[in-house]
Amino acid sequence: MIFSGTDNAIHRVILAAEIIKHRVYDLHQINAIKTVRVRDLYEPLEKGLEQVTLQRTLTILEIKLTKIVGPLDKSNIGYQQPVPYEVVKEAKYLSEKAKQRRKQFKGKEEDDRNCNIVNIVKNP
């Protein structure tokens, strides 16, 4: 799952990613900061005036959340480890299949349950 935002939306991107990380266990995070040049073209309302073109640079924050560890580069400067299991508050809305799996694993050791938590985030 990839979140991205510019300017005033950056804090919302961070907030959304943090909420999901604290609801779904074992999500790895990679952050990237990018820039994009945007050209705005303004058409004049009155005849005889020239078009005005402004070029500006936007900063974009991109946050990638994934459960797949294989293709991730853990040495990447933007890499963050998953949140510890004790901190994660699982999502309340689980599928029926997930509820059945929970019933099967009740009473087993916690290490066994860690790997069977429902994946509600679909990886791209």
PDB file of N, CA and C in Angstrom:
ATOM      1  N   MET A   1       0.852  -1.149   0.000  1.00  0.00           N
ATOM      2  CA  MET A   1       0.000   0.000   0.000  1.00  0.00           C
ATOM      3  C   MET A   1       0.906   1.220   0.000  1.00  0.00           C
ATOM      4  N   ILE A   2       0.610   2.157  -0.869  1.00  0.00           N
ATOM      5  CA  ILE A   2       1.437   3.356  -0.977  1.00  0.00           C
ATOM      6  C   ILE A   2       0.581   4.577  -0.694  1.00  0.00           C
ATOM      7  N   PHE A   3       1.066   5.416   0.217  1.00  0.00           N
ATOM      8  CA  PHE A   3       0.447   6.698   0.525  1.00  0.00           C
ATOM      9  C   PHE A   3       1.371   7.785   0.003  1.00  0.00           C
ATOM     10  N   SER A   4       0.808   8.821  -0.598  1.00  0.00           N
ATOM     11  CA  SER A   4       1.648   9.952  -0.999  1.00  0.00           C
ATOM     12  C   SER A   4       0.851  11.233  -0.856  1.00  0.00           C
ATOM     13  N   GLY A   5       1.551  12.310  -0.555  1.00  0.00           N
ATOM     14  CA  GLY A   5       0.901  13.597  -0.386  1.00  0.00           C
ATOM     15  C   GLY A   5       1.898  14.728  -0.553  1.00  0.00           C
ATOM     16  N   THR A   6       1.389  15.903  -0.862  1.00  0.00           N
ATOM     17  CA  THR A   6       2.221  17.085  -1.043  1.00  0.00           C
ATOM     18  C   THR A   6       1.786  18.189  -0.096  1.00  0.00           C
ATOM     19  N   ASP A   7       2.675  19.107   0.143  1.00  0.00           N
ATOM     20  CA  ASP A   7       2.411  20.326   0.907  1.00  0.00           C
ATOM     21  C   ASP A   7       1.641  20.075   2.199  1.00  0.00           C
ATOM     22  N   ASN A   8       0.417  20.598   2.267  1.00  0.00           N
ATOM     23  CA  ASN A   8      -0.363  20.523   3.503  1.00  0.00           C
ATOM     24  C   ASN A   8      -0.923  19.131   3.787  1.00  0.00           C
ATOM     25  N   ALA A   9      -0.868  18.225   2.826  1.00  0.00           N
ATOM     26  CA  ALA A   9      -1.398  16.875   3.025  1.00  0.00           C
ATOM     27  C   ALA A   9      -0.352  15.919   3.594  1.00  0.00           C
ATOM     28  N   ILE A  10       0.891  16.344   3.716  1.00  0.00           N
ATOM     29  CA  ILE A  10       1.950  15.451   4.193  1.00  0.00           C
ATOM     30  C   ILE A  10       1.651  14.937   5.595  1.00  0.00           C
ATOM     31  N   HIS A  11       1.183  15.795   6.479  1.00  0.00           N
ATOM     32  CA  HIS A  11       0.901  15.332   7.845  1.00  0.00           C
ATOM     33  C   HIS A  11      -0.237  14.319   7.863  1.00  0.00           C
ATOM     34  N   ARG A  12      -1.175  14.417   6.922  1.00  0.00           N
ATOM     35  CA  ARG A  12      -2.266  13.444   6.861  1.00  0.00           C
ATOM     36  C   ARG A  12      -1.775  12.096   6.355  1.00  0.00           C
ATOM     37  N   VAL A  13      -0.815  12.125   5.451  1.00  0.00           N
ATOM     38  CA  VAL A  13      -0.221  10.882   4.946  1.00  0.00           C
ATOM     39  C   VAL A  13       0.469  10.150   6.091  1.00  0.00           C
ATOM     40  N   ILE A  14       1.229  10.884   6.886  1.00  0.00           N
ATOM     41  CA  ILE A  14       1.925  10.293   8.034  1.00  0.00           C
ATOM     42  C   ILE A  14       0.917   9.734   9.035  1.00  0.00           C
ATOM     43  N   LEU A  15      -0.113  10.486   9.316  1.00  0.00           N
ATOM     44  CA  LEU A  15      -1.132  10.048  10.271  1.00  0.00           C
ATOM     45  C   LEU A  15      -1.827   8.772   9.792  1.00  0.00           C
ATOM     46  N   ALA A  16      -2.211   8.721   8.529  1.00  0.00           N
ATOM     47  CA  ALA A  16      -2.881   7.536   7.993  1.00  0.00           C
ATOM     48  C   ALA A  16      -1.971   6.312   8.063  1.00  0.00           C
ATOM     49  N   ALA A  17      -0.704   6.480   7.707  1.00  0.00           N
ATOM     50  CA  ALA A  17       0.243   5.357   7.746  1.00  0.00           C
ATOM     51  C   ALA A  17       0.447   4.863   9.180  1.00  0.00           C
ATOM     52  N   GLU A  18       0.556   5.770  10.126  1.00  0.00           N
ATOM     53  CA  GLU A  18       0.754   5.381  11.525  1.00  0.00           C
ATOM     54  C   GLU A  18      -0.469   4.655  12.082  1.00  0.00           C
ATOM     55  N   ILE A  19      -1.650   5.111  11.721  1.00  0.00           N
ATOM     56  CA  ILE A  19      -2.868   4.435  12.186  1.00  0.00           C
ATOM     57  C   ILE A  19      -2.904   3.008  11.663  1.00  0.00           C
ATOM     58  N   ILE A  20      -2.609   2.826  10.395  1.00  0.00           N
ATOM     59  CA  ILE A  20      -2.639   1.478   9.814  1.00  0.00           C
ATOM     60  C   ILE A  20      -1.550   0.606  10.422  1.00  0.00           C
ATOM     61  N   LYS A  21      -0.351   1.161  10.644  1.00  0.00           N
ATOM     62  CA  LYS A  21       0.726   0.382  11.259  1.00  0.00           C
ATOM     63  C   LYS A  21       0.355  -0.095  12.655  1.00  0.00           C
ATOM     64  N   HIS A  22      -0.470   0.676  13.360  1.00  0.00           N
ATOM     65  CA  HIS A  22      -0.870   0.300  14.711  1.00  0.00           C
ATOM     66  C   HIS A  22      -2.133  -0.560  14.733  1.00  0.00           C
ATOM     67  N   ARG A  23      -2.682  -0.870  13.564  1.00  0.00           N
ATOM     68  CA  ARG A  23      -3.845  -1.746  13.469  1.00  0.00           C
ATOM     69  C   ARG A  23      -3.514  -3.088  12.821  1.00  0.00           C
ATOM     70  N   VAL A  24      -2.468  -3.137  12.015  1.00  0.00           N
ATOM     71  CA  VAL A  24      -2.091  -4.360  11.300  1.00  0.00           C
ATOM     72  C   VAL A  24      -0.673  -4.724  11.707  1.00  0.00           C
ATOM     73  N   TYR A  25      -0.500  -5.949  12.166  1.00  0.00           N
ATOM     74  CA  TYR A  25       0.797  -6.405  12.641  1.00  0.00           C
ATOM     75  C   TYR A  25       1.742  -6.704  11.477  1.00  0.00           C
ATOM     76  N   ASP A  26       3.015  -6.458  11.687  1.00  0.00           N
ATOM     77  CA  ASP A  26       4.105  -6.845  10.799  1.00  0.00           C
ATOM     78  C   ASP A  26       4.135  -6.070   9.485  1.00  0.00           C
ATOM     79  N   LEU A  27       3.876  -4.766   9.534  1.00  0.00           N
ATOM     80  CA  LEU A  27       3.984  -3.923   8.341  1.00  0.00           C
ATOM     81  C   LEU A  27       5.335  -3.215   8.337  1.00  0.00           C
ATOM     82  N   HIS A  28       6.094  -3.440   7.278  1.00  0.00           N
ATOM     83  CA  HIS A  28       7.360  -2.742   7.092  1.00  0.00           C
ATOM     84  C   HIS A  28       7.056  -1.442   6.365  1.00  0.00           C
ATOM     85  N   GLN A  29       7.855  -0.399   6.637  1.00  0.00           N
ATOM     86  CA  GLN A  29       7.592   0.918   6.063  1.00  0.00           C
ATOM     87  C   GLN A  29       8.845   1.450   5.387  1.00  0.00           C
ATOM     88  N   ILE A  30       8.660   2.014   4.198  1.00  0.00           N
ATOM     89  CA  ILE A  30       9.752   2.709   3.517  1.00  0.00           C
ATOM     90  C   ILE A  30       9.246   4.093   3.143  1.00  0.00           C
ATOM     91  N   ASN A  31       9.980   5.111   3.561  1.00  0.00           N
ATOM     92  CA  ASN A  31       9.639   6.501   3.283  1.00  0.00           C
ATOM     93  C   ASN A  31      10.536   7.026   2.173  1.00  0.00           C
ATOM     94  N   ALA A  32       9.967   7.849   1.315  1.00  0.00           N
ATOM     95  CA  ALA A  32      10.752   8.485   0.263  1.00  0.00           C
ATOM     96  C   ALA A  32      10.266   9.918   0.097  1.00  0.00           C
ATOM     97  N   ILE A  33      11.205  10.823  -0.080  1.00  0.00           N
ATOM     98  CA  ILE A  33      10.879  12.217  -0.340  1.00  0.00           C
ATOM     99  C   ILE A  33      11.284  12.503  -1.779  1.00  0.00           C
ATOM    100  N   LYS A  34      10.323  13.002  -2.543  1.00  0.00           N
ATOM    101  CA  LYS A  34      10.549  13.270  -3.962  1.00  0.00           C
ATOM    102  C   LYS A  34      10.146  14.698  -4.278  1.00  0.00           C
ATOM    103  N   THR A  35      10.591  15.184  -5.413  1.00  0.00           N
ATOM    104  CA  THR A  35      10.170  16.497  -5.878  1.00  0.00           C
ATOM    105  C   THR A  35       9.641  16.378  -7.302  1.00  0.00           C
ATOM    106  N   VAL A  36       8.662  17.229  -7.610  1.00  0.00           N
ATOM    107  CA  VAL A  36       8.057  17.262  -8.935  1.00  0.00           C
ATOM    108  C   VAL A  36       7.933  18.721  -9.346  1.00  0.00           C
ATOM    109  N   ARG A  37       8.277  19.003 -10.597  1.00  0.00           N
ATOM    110  CA  ARG A  37       8.089  20.362 -11.113  1.00  0.00           C
ATOM    111  C   ARG A  37       6.722  20.449 -11.779  1.00  0.00           C
ATOM    112  N   VAL A  38       5.984  21.490 -11.419  1.00  0.00           N
ATOM    113  CA  VAL A  38       4.650  21.715 -11.952  1.00  0.00           C
ATOM    114  C   VAL A  38       4.649  23.064 -12.664  1.00  0.00           C
ATOM    115  N   ARG A  39       4.040  23.074 -13.843  1.00  0.00           N
ATOM    116  CA  ARG A  39       3.947  24.333 -14.585  1.00  0.00           C
ATOM    117  C   ARG A  39       2.484  24.747 -14.633  1.00  0.00           C
ATOM    118  N   ASP A  40       2.184  25.920 -14.111  1.00  0.00           N
ATOM    119  CA  ASP A  40       0.831  26.465 -14.125  1.00  0.00           C
ATOM    120  C   ASP A  40       0.727  27.476 -15.255  1.00  0.00           C
ATOM    121  N   LEU A  41      -0.319  27.346 -16.058  1.00  0.00           N
ATOM    122  CA  LEU A  41      -0.540  28.240 -17.179  1.00  0.00           C
ATOM    123  C   LEU A  41      -1.817  29.025 -16.911  1.00  0.00           C
ATOM    124  N   TYR A  42      -1.710  30.342 -16.871  1.00  0.00           N
ATOM    125  CA  TYR A  42      -2.853  31.209 -16.595  1.00  0.00           C
ATOM    126  C   TYR A  42      -3.265  31.912 -17.879  1.00  0.00           C
ATOM    127  N   GLU A  43      -4.522  31.710 -18.268  1.00  0.00           N
ATOM    128  CA  GLU A  43      -5.087  32.353 -19.442  1.00  0.00           C
ATOM    129  C   GLU A  43      -5.644  33.716 -19.025  1.00  0.00           C
ATOM    130  N   PRO A  44      -5.407  34.762 -19.839  1.00  0.00           N
ATOM    131  CA  PRO A  44      -5.932  36.083 -19.480  1.00  0.00           C
ATOM    132  C   PRO A  44      -7.446  36.154 -19.696  1.00  0.00           C
ATOM    133  N   LEU A  45      -8.112  36.926 -18.857  1.00  0.00           N
ATOM    134  CA  LEU A  45      -9.547  37.116 -18.986  1.00  0.00           C
ATOM    135  C   LEU A  45      -9.866  38.208 -20.007  1.00  0.00           C
ATOM    136  N   GLU A  46      -8.924  39.109 -20.208  1.00  0.00           N
ATOM    137  CA  GLU A  46      -9.132  40.202 -21.152  1.00  0.00           C
ATOM    138  C   GLU A  46      -8.289  39.978 -22.395  1.00  0.00           C
ATOM    139  N   LYS A  47      -8.793  40.443 -23.533  1.00  0.00           N
ATOM    140  CA  LYS A  47      -8.061  40.301 -24.780  1.00  0.00           C
ATOM    141  C   LYS A  47      -6.846  41.228 -24.790  1.00  0.00           C
ATOM    142  N   GLY A  48      -5.802  40.775 -25.465  1.00  0.00           N
ATOM    143  CA  GLY A  48      -4.606  41.598 -25.596  1.00  0.00           C
ATOM    144  C   GLY A  48      -3.540  41.302 -24.535  1.00  0.00           C
ATOM    145  N   LEU A  49      -3.881  40.548 -23.534  1.00  0.00           N
ATOM    146  CA  LEU A  49      -2.905  40.204 -22.504  1.00  0.00           C
ATOM    147  C   LEU A  49      -2.258  38.857 -22.837  1.00  0.00           C
ATOM    148  N   GLU A  50      -1.050  38.673 -22.370  1.00  0.00           N
ATOM    149  CA  GLU A  50      -0.317  37.433 -22.627  1.00  0.00           C
ATOM    150  C   GLU A  50      -0.624  36.385 -21.552  1.00  0.00           C
ATOM    151  N   GLN A  51      -0.371  35.123 -21.926  1.00  0.00           N
ATOM    152  CA  GLN A  51      -0.491  34.049 -20.948  1.00  0.00           C
ATOM    153  C   GLN A  51       0.661  34.154 -19.952  1.00  0.00           C
ATOM    154  N   VAL A  52       0.371  33.783 -18.728  1.00  0.00           N
ATOM    155  CA  VAL A  52       1.404  33.787 -17.692  1.00  0.00           C
ATOM    156  C   VAL A  52       1.685  32.334 -17.308  1.00  0.00           C
ATOM    157  N   THR A  53       2.959  31.974 -17.308  1.00  0.00           N
ATOM    158  CA  THR A  53       3.367  30.626 -16.939  1.00  0.00           C
ATOM    159  C   THR A  53       4.246  30.696 -15.695  1.00  0.00           C
ATOM    160  N   LEU A  54       3.864  29.937 -14.686  1.00  0.00           N
ATOM    161  CA  LEU A  54       4.655  29.852 -13.470  1.00  0.00           C
ATOM    162  C   LEU A  54       5.112  28.413 -13.273  1.00  0.00           C
ATOM    163  N   GLN A  55       6.367  28.259 -12.892  1.00  0.00           N
ATOM    164  CA  GLN A  55       6.886  26.927 -12.612  1.00  0.00           C
ATOM    165  C   GLN A  55       7.218  26.849 -11.128  1.00  0.00           C
ATOM    166  N   ARG A  56       6.774  25.768 -10.504  1.00  0.00           N
ATOM    167  CA  ARG A  56       7.049  25.599  -9.081  1.00  0.00           C
ATOM    168  C   ARG A  56       7.430  24.148  -8.806  1.00  0.00           C
ATOM    169  N   THR A  57       8.108  23.951  -7.701  1.00  0.00           N
ATOM    170  CA  THR A  57       8.550  22.620  -7.312  1.00  0.00           C
ATOM    171  C   THR A  57       7.749  22.170  -6.098  1.00  0.00           C
ATOM    172  N   LEU A  58       7.162  20.977  -6.195  1.00  0.00           N
ATOM    173  CA  LEU A  58       6.396  20.412  -5.087  1.00  0.00           C
ATOM    174  C   LEU A  58       7.203  19.297  -4.433  1.00  0.00           C
ATOM    175  N   THR A  59       7.147  19.238  -3.126  1.00  0.00           N
ATOM    176  CA  THR A  59       7.763  18.153  -2.387  1.00  0.00           C
ATOM    177  C   THR A  59       6.697  17.113  -2.094  1.00  0.00           C
ATOM    178  N   ILE A  60       7.022  15.855  -2.360  1.00  0.00           N
ATOM    179  CA  ILE A  60       6.077  14.754  -2.163  1.00  0.00           C
ATOM    180  C   ILE A  60       6.659  13.770  -1.160  1.00  0.00           C
ATOM    181  N   LEU A  61       5.854  13.387  -0.179  1.00  0.00           N
ATOM    182  CA  LEU A  61       6.236  12.327   0.748  1.00  0.00           C
ATOM    183  C   LEU A  61       5.502  11.073   0.315  1.00  0.00           C
ATOM    184  N   GLU A  62       6.257  10.002   0.130  1.00  0.00           N
ATOM    185  CA  GLU A  62       5.670   8.723  -0.263  1.00  0.00           C
ATOM    186  C   GLU A  62       5.991   7.695   0.817  1.00  0.00           C
ATOM    187  N   ILE A  63       4.963   7.045   1.339  1.00  0.00           N
ATOM    188  CA  ILE A  63       5.131   6.017   2.368  1.00  0.00           C
ATOM    189  C   ILE A  63       4.593   4.705   1.820  1.00  0.00           C
ATOM    190  N   LYS A  64       5.443   3.692   1.814  1.00  0.00           N
ATOM    191  CA  LYS A  64       5.053   2.361   1.342  1.00  0.00           C
ATOM    192  C   LYS A  64       4.981   1.434   2.546  1.00  0.00           C
ATOM    193  N   LEU A  65       3.814   0.796   2.748  1.00  0.00           N
ATOM    194  CA  LEU A  65       3.620  -0.188   3.808  1.00  0.00           C
ATOM    195  C   LEU A  65       3.449  -1.551   3.160  1.00  0.00           C
ATOM    196  N   THR A  66       4.193  -2.532   3.636  1.00  0.00           N
ATOM    197  CA  THR A  66       4.105  -3.867   3.056  1.00  0.00           C
ATOM    198  C   THR A  66       4.438  -4.923   4.092  1.00  0.00           C
ATOM    199  N   LYS A  67       3.899  -6.115   3.884  1.00  0.00           N
ATOM    200  CA  LYS A  67       4.248  -7.256   4.725  1.00  0.00           C
ATOM    201  C   LYS A  67       5.348  -8.074   4.079  1.00  0.00           C
ATOM    202  N   ILE A  68       5.607  -7.854   2.806  1.00  0.00           N
ATOM    203  CA  ILE A  68       6.623  -8.601   2.077  1.00  0.00           C
ATOM    204  C   ILE A  68       7.993  -8.013   2.407  1.00  0.00           C
ATOM    205  N   VAL A  69       8.869  -8.845   2.925  1.00  0.00           N
ATOM    206  CA  VAL A  69      10.191  -8.376   3.329  1.00  0.00           C
ATOM    207  C   VAL A  69      11.208  -8.568   2.207  1.00  0.00           C
ATOM    208  N   GLY A  70      11.001  -9.543   1.348  1.00  0.00           N
ATOM    209  CA  GLY A  70      11.970  -9.908   0.316  1.00  0.00           C
ATOM    210  C   GLY A  70      12.527  -8.756  -0.498  1.00  0.00           C
ATOM    211  N   PRO A  71      11.677  -8.005  -1.225  1.00  0.00           N
ATOM    212  CA  PRO A  71      12.228  -6.969  -2.090  1.00  0.00           C
ATOM    213  C   PRO A  71      12.652  -5.696  -1.362  1.00  0.00           C
ATOM    214  N   LEU A  72      12.388  -5.608  -0.071  1.00  0.00           N
ATOM    215  CA  LEU A  72      12.729  -4.393   0.665  1.00  0.00           C
ATOM    216  C   LEU A  72      14.223  -4.326   0.959  1.00  0.00           C
ATOM    217  N   ASP A  73      14.747  -3.135   0.883  1.00  0.00           N
ATOM    218  CA  ASP A  73      16.144  -2.894   1.212  1.00  0.00           C
ATOM    219  C   ASP A  73      16.182  -2.323   2.628  1.00  0.00           C
ATOM    220  N   LYS A  74      16.515  -3.163   3.601  1.00  0.00           N
ATOM    221  CA  LYS A  74      16.510  -2.716   4.996  1.00  0.00           C
ATOM    222  C   LYS A  74      17.600  -1.694   5.288  1.00  0.00           C
ATOM    223  N   SER A  75      18.567  -1.560   4.391  1.00  0.00           N
ATOM    224  CA  SER A  75      19.610  -0.554   4.590  1.00  0.00           C
ATOM    225  C   SER A  75      19.181   0.807   4.038  1.00  0.00           C
ATOM    226  N   ASN A  76      18.011   0.875   3.409  1.00  0.00           N
ATOM    227  CA  ASN A  76      17.476   2.127   2.882  1.00  0.00           C
ATOM    228  C   ASN A  76      17.309   3.119   4.033  1.00  0.00           C
ATOM    229  N   ILE A  77      17.659   4.368   3.793  1.00  0.00           N
ATOM    230  CA  ILE A  77      17.601   5.372   4.860  1.00  0.00           C
ATOM    231  C   ILE A  77      16.165   5.611   5.335  1.00  0.00           C
ATOM    232  N   GLY A  78      15.159   5.326   4.504  1.00  0.00           N
ATOM    233  CA  GLY A  78      13.769   5.552   4.876  1.00  0.00           C
ATOM    234  C   GLY A  78      13.075   4.327   5.445  1.00  0.00           C
ATOM    235  N   TYR A  79      13.808   3.236   5.694  1.00  0.00           N
ATOM    236  CA  TYR A  79      13.192   1.999   6.182  1.00  0.00           C
ATOM    237  C   TYR A  79      12.866   2.100   7.665  1.00  0.00           C
ATOM    238  N   GLN A  80      11.674   1.612   8.034  1.00  0.00           N
ATOM    239  CA  GLN A  80      11.286   1.508   9.443  1.00  0.00           C
ATOM    240  C   GLN A  80      10.776   0.096   9.707  1.00  0.00           C
ATOM    241  N   GLN A  81      11.193  -0.466  10.827  1.00  0.00           N
ATOM    242  CA  GLN A  81      10.771  -1.809  11.217  1.00  0.00           C
ATOM    243  C   GLN A  81       9.293  -1.811  11.601  1.00  0.00           C
ATOM    244  N   PRO A  82       8.674  -2.994  11.591  1.00  0.00           N
ATOM    245  CA  PRO A  82       7.280  -3.077  12.040  1.00  0.00           C
ATOM    246  C   PRO A  82       7.131  -2.700  13.513  1.00  0.00           C
ATOM    247  N   VAL A  83       5.951  -2.249  13.858  1.00  0.00           N
ATOM    248  CA  VAL A  83       5.631  -1.905  15.244  1.00  0.00           C
ATOM    249  C   VAL A  83       5.592  -3.206  16.046  1.00  0.00           C
ATOM    250  N   PRO A  84       6.090  -3.225  17.286  1.00  0.00           N
ATOM    251  CA  PRO A  84       6.035  -4.450  18.103  1.00  0.00           C
ATOM    252  C   PRO A  84       4.596  -4.939  18.297  1.00  0.00           C
ATOM    253  N   TYR A  85       4.460  -6.245  18.412  1.00  0.00           N
ATOM    254  CA  TYR A  85       3.131  -6.856  18.521  1.00  0.00           C
ATOM    255  C   TYR A  85       2.345  -6.314  19.718  1.00  0.00           C
ATOM    256  N   GLU A  86       3.027  -6.023  20.806  1.00  0.00           N
ATOM    257  CA  GLU A  86       2.348  -5.553  22.023  1.00  0.00           C
ATOM    258  C   GLU A  86       1.669  -4.208  21.805  1.00  0.00           C
ATOM    259  N   VAL A  87       2.154  -3.414  20.866  1.00  0.00           N
ATOM    260  CA  VAL A  87       1.629  -2.071  20.624  1.00  0.00           C
ATOM    261  C   VAL A  87       0.457  -2.089  19.644  1.00  0.00           C
ATOM    262  N   VAL A  88       0.376  -3.114  18.810  1.00  0.00           N
ATOM    263  CA  VAL A  88      -0.646  -3.178  17.761  1.00  0.00           C
ATOM    264  C   VAL A  88      -2.008  -3.487  18.372  1.00  0.00           C
ATOM    265  N   LYS A  89      -2.995  -2.666  18.006  1.00  0.00           N
ATOM    266  CA  LYS A  89      -4.387  -2.917  18.377  1.00  0.00           C
ATOM    267  C   LYS A  89      -5.071  -3.343  17.089  1.00  0.00           C
ATOM    268  N   GLU A  90      -5.404  -4.618  17.023  1.00  0.00           N
ATOM    269  CA  GLU A  90      -5.933  -5.171  15.781  1.00  0.00           C
ATOM    270  C   GLU A  90      -7.217  -4.477  15.354  1.00  0.00           C
ATOM    271  N   ALA A  91      -7.447  -4.477  14.047  1.00  0.00           N
ATOM    272  CA  ALA A  91      -8.668  -3.894  13.494  1.00  0.00           C
ATOM    273  C   ALA A  91      -9.884  -4.634  14.027  1.00  0.00           C
ATOM    274  N   LYS A  92     -10.951  -3.907  14.283  1.00  0.00           N
ATOM    275  CA  LYS A  92     -12.161  -4.513  14.843  1.00  0.00           C
ATOM    276  C   LYS A  92     -13.001  -5.204  13.776  1.00  0.00           C
ATOM    277  N   TYR A  93     -12.822  -4.810  12.538  1.00  0.00           N
ATOM    278  CA  TYR A  93     -13.642  -5.347  11.462  1.00  0.00           C
ATOM    279  C   TYR A  93     -12.894  -6.478  10.772  1.00  0.00           C
ATOM    280  N   LEU A  94     -13.148  -7.696  11.206  1.00  0.00           N
ATOM    281  CA  LEU A  94     -12.491  -8.866  10.647  1.00  0.00           C
ATOM    282  C   LEU A  94     -13.494  -9.671   9.833  1.00  0.00           C
ATOM    283  N   SER A  95     -12.999 -10.324   8.822  1.00  0.00           N
ATOM    284  CA  SER A  95     -13.863 -11.162   7.999  1.00  0.00           C
ATOM    285  C   SER A  95     -14.262 -12.416   8.777  1.00  0.00           C
ATOM    286  N   GLU A  96     -15.272 -13.104   8.285  1.00  0.00           N
ATOM    287  CA  GLU A  96     -15.712 -14.337   8.935  1.00  0.00           C
ATOM    288  C   GLU A  96     -14.607 -15.384   8.918  1.00  0.00           C
ATOM    289  N   LYS A  97     -13.864 -15.424   7.835  1.00  0.00           N
ATOM    290  CA  LYS A  97     -12.757 -16.369   7.724  1.00  0.00           C
ATOM    291  C   LYS A  97     -11.711 -16.094   8.811  1.00  0.00           C
ATOM    292  N   ALA A  98     -11.463 -14.818   9.051  1.00  0.00           N
ATOM    293  CA  ALA A  98     -10.488 -14.439  10.077  1.00  0.00           C
ATOM    294  C   ALA A  98     -10.984 -14.834  11.467  1.00  0.00           C
ATOM    295  N   LYS A  99     -12.278 -14.674  11.713  1.00  0.00           N
ATOM    296  CA  LYS A  99     -12.837 -15.059  13.013  1.00  0.00           C
ATOM    297  C   LYS A  99     -12.711 -16.561  13.245  1.00  0.00           C
ATOM    298  N   GLN A 100     -12.903 -17.352  12.186  1.00  0.00           N
ATOM    299  CA  GLN A 100     -12.748 -18.802  12.308  1.00  0.00           C
ATOM    300  C   GLN A 100     -11.301 -19.170  12.622  1.00  0.00           C
ATOM    301  N   ARG A 101     -10.355 -18.489  11.956  1.00  0.00           N
ATOM    302  CA  ARG A 101      -8.939 -18.766  12.228  1.00  0.00           C
ATOM    303  C   ARG A 101      -8.575 -18.427  13.662  1.00  0.00           C
ATOM    304  N   ARG A 102      -9.155 -17.351  14.177  1.00  0.00           N
ATOM    305  CA  ARG A 102      -8.882 -16.976  15.566  1.00  0.00           C
ATOM    306  C   ARG A 102      -9.345 -18.055  16.530  1.00  0.00           C
ATOM    307  N   LYS A 103     -10.525 -18.609  16.270  1.00  0.00           N
ATOM    308  CA  LYS A 103     -11.048 -19.658  17.132  1.00  0.00           C
ATOM    309  C   LYS A 103     -10.129 -20.873  17.129  1.00  0.00           C
ATOM    310  N   GLN A 104      -9.544 -21.189  15.975  1.00  0.00           N
ATOM    311  CA  GLN A 104      -8.635 -22.329  15.867  1.00  0.00           C
ATOM    312  C   GLN A 104      -7.373 -22.136  16.698  1.00  0.00           C
ATOM    313  N   PHE A 105      -6.884 -20.890  16.764  1.00  0.00           N
ATOM    314  CA  PHE A 105      -5.600 -20.630  17.411  1.00  0.00           C
ATOM    315  C   PHE A 105      -5.723 -20.144  18.851  1.00  0.00           C
ATOM    316  N   LYS A 106      -6.927 -20.077  19.386  1.00  0.00           N
ATOM    317  CA  LYS A 106      -7.068 -19.678  20.787  1.00  0.00           C
ATOM    318  C   LYS A 106      -6.382 -20.704  21.672  1.00  0.00           C
ATOM    319  N   GLY A 107      -5.615 -20.225  22.619  1.00  0.00           N
ATOM    320  CA  GLY A 107      -4.946 -21.119  23.547  1.00  0.00           C
ATOM    321  C   GLY A 107      -3.544 -21.506  23.115  1.00  0.00           C
ATOM    322  N   LYS A 108      -3.196 -21.248  21.872  1.00  0.00           N
ATOM    323  CA  LYS A 108      -1.830 -21.564  21.429  1.00  0.00           C
ATOM    324  C   LYS A 108      -0.891 -20.469  21.909  1.00  0.00           C
ATOM    325  N   GLU A 109       0.384 -20.748  21.819  1.00  0.00           N
ATOM    326  CA  GLU A 109       1.368 -19.769  22.259  1.00  0.00           C
ATOM    327  C   GLU A 109       1.301 -18.526  21.382  1.00  0.00           C
ATOM    328  N   GLU A 110       1.705 -17.397  21.950  1.00  0.00           N
ATOM    329  CA  GLU A 110       1.608 -16.126  21.248  1.00  0.00           C
ATOM    330  C   GLU A 110       2.430 -16.105  19.964  1.00  0.00           C
ATOM    331  N   ASP A 111       3.575 -16.780  19.936  1.00  0.00           N
ATOM    332  CA  ASP A 111       4.401 -16.810  18.730  1.00  0.00           C
ATOM    333  C   ASP A 111       3.647 -17.441  17.563  1.00  0.00           C
ATOM    334  N   ASP A 112       2.822 -18.446  17.861  1.00  0.00           N
ATOM    335  CA  ASP A 112       2.042 -19.084  16.808  1.00  0.00           C
ATOM    336  C   ASP A 112       0.967 -18.144  16.272  1.00  0.00           C
ATOM    337  N   ARG A 113       0.398 -17.327  17.138  1.00  0.00           N
ATOM    338  CA  ARG A 113      -0.666 -16.419  16.701  1.00  0.00           C
ATOM    339  C   ARG A 113      -0.118 -15.255  15.897  1.00  0.00           C
ATOM    340  N   ASN A 114       1.102 -14.837  16.141  1.00  0.00           N
ATOM    341  CA  ASN A 114       1.659 -13.683  15.438  1.00  0.00           C
ATOM    342  C   ASN A 114       1.628 -13.843  13.924  1.00  0.00           C
ATOM    343  N   CYS A 115       1.872 -15.036  13.461  1.00  0.00           N
ATOM    344  CA  CYS A 115       1.949 -15.227  12.018  1.00  0.00           C
ATOM    345  C   CYS A 115       0.582 -15.484  11.393  1.00  0.00           C
ATOM    346  N   ASN A 116      -0.491 -15.483  12.164  1.00  0.00           N
ATOM    347  CA  ASN A 116      -1.807 -15.771  11.622  1.00  0.00           C
ATOM    348  C   ASN A 116      -2.784 -14.612  11.763  1.00  0.00           C
ATOM    349  N   ILE A 117      -2.280 -13.427  11.952  1.00  0.00           N
ATOM    350  CA  ILE A 117      -3.147 -12.259  12.046  1.00  0.00           C
ATOM    351  C   ILE A 117      -3.612 -11.894  10.639  1.00  0.00           C
ATOM    352  N   VAL A 118      -4.821 -11.434  10.518  1.00  0.00           N
ATOM    353  CA  VAL A 118      -5.445 -11.191   9.226  1.00  0.00           C
ATOM    354  C   VAL A 118      -4.721 -10.083   8.478  1.00  0.00           C
ATOM    355  N   ASN A 119      -4.499 -10.307   7.209  1.00  0.00           N
ATOM    356  CA  ASN A 119      -3.884  -9.310   6.348  1.00  0.00           C
ATOM    357  C   ASN A 119      -4.983  -8.498   5.712  1.00  0.00           C
ATOM    358  N   ILE A 120      -5.306  -7.336   6.286  1.00  0.00           N
ATOM    359  CA  ILE A 120      -6.358  -6.503   5.710  1.00  0.00           C
ATOM    360  C   ILE A 120      -5.765  -5.482   4.750  1.00  0.00           C
ATOM    361  N   VAL A 121      -4.456  -5.428   4.630  1.00  0.00           N
ATOM    362  CA  VAL A 121      -3.802  -4.520   3.696  1.00  0.00           C
ATOM    363  C   VAL A 121      -3.344  -5.325   2.505  1.00  0.00           C
ATOM    364  N   LYS A 122      -3.758  -4.913   1.319  1.00  0.00           N
ATOM    365  CA  LYS A 122      -3.343  -5.625   0.115  1.00  0.00           C
ATOM    366  C   LYS A 122      -2.092  -4.968  -0.441  1.00  0.00           C
ATOM    367  N   ASN A 123      -1.082  -5.754  -0.647  1.00  0.00           N
ATOM    368  CA  ASN A 123       0.174  -5.245  -1.197  1.00  0.00           C
ATOM    369  C   ASN A 123       0.048  -5.046  -2.697  1.00  0.00           C
ATOM    370  N   PRO A 124       0.664  -3.972  -3.213  1.00  0.00           N
ATOM    371  CA  PRO A 124       0.574  -3.706  -4.663  1.00  0.00           C
ATOM    372  C   PRO A 124       1.348  -4.727  -5.465  1.00  0.00           C
TER     373      PRO A 124
END
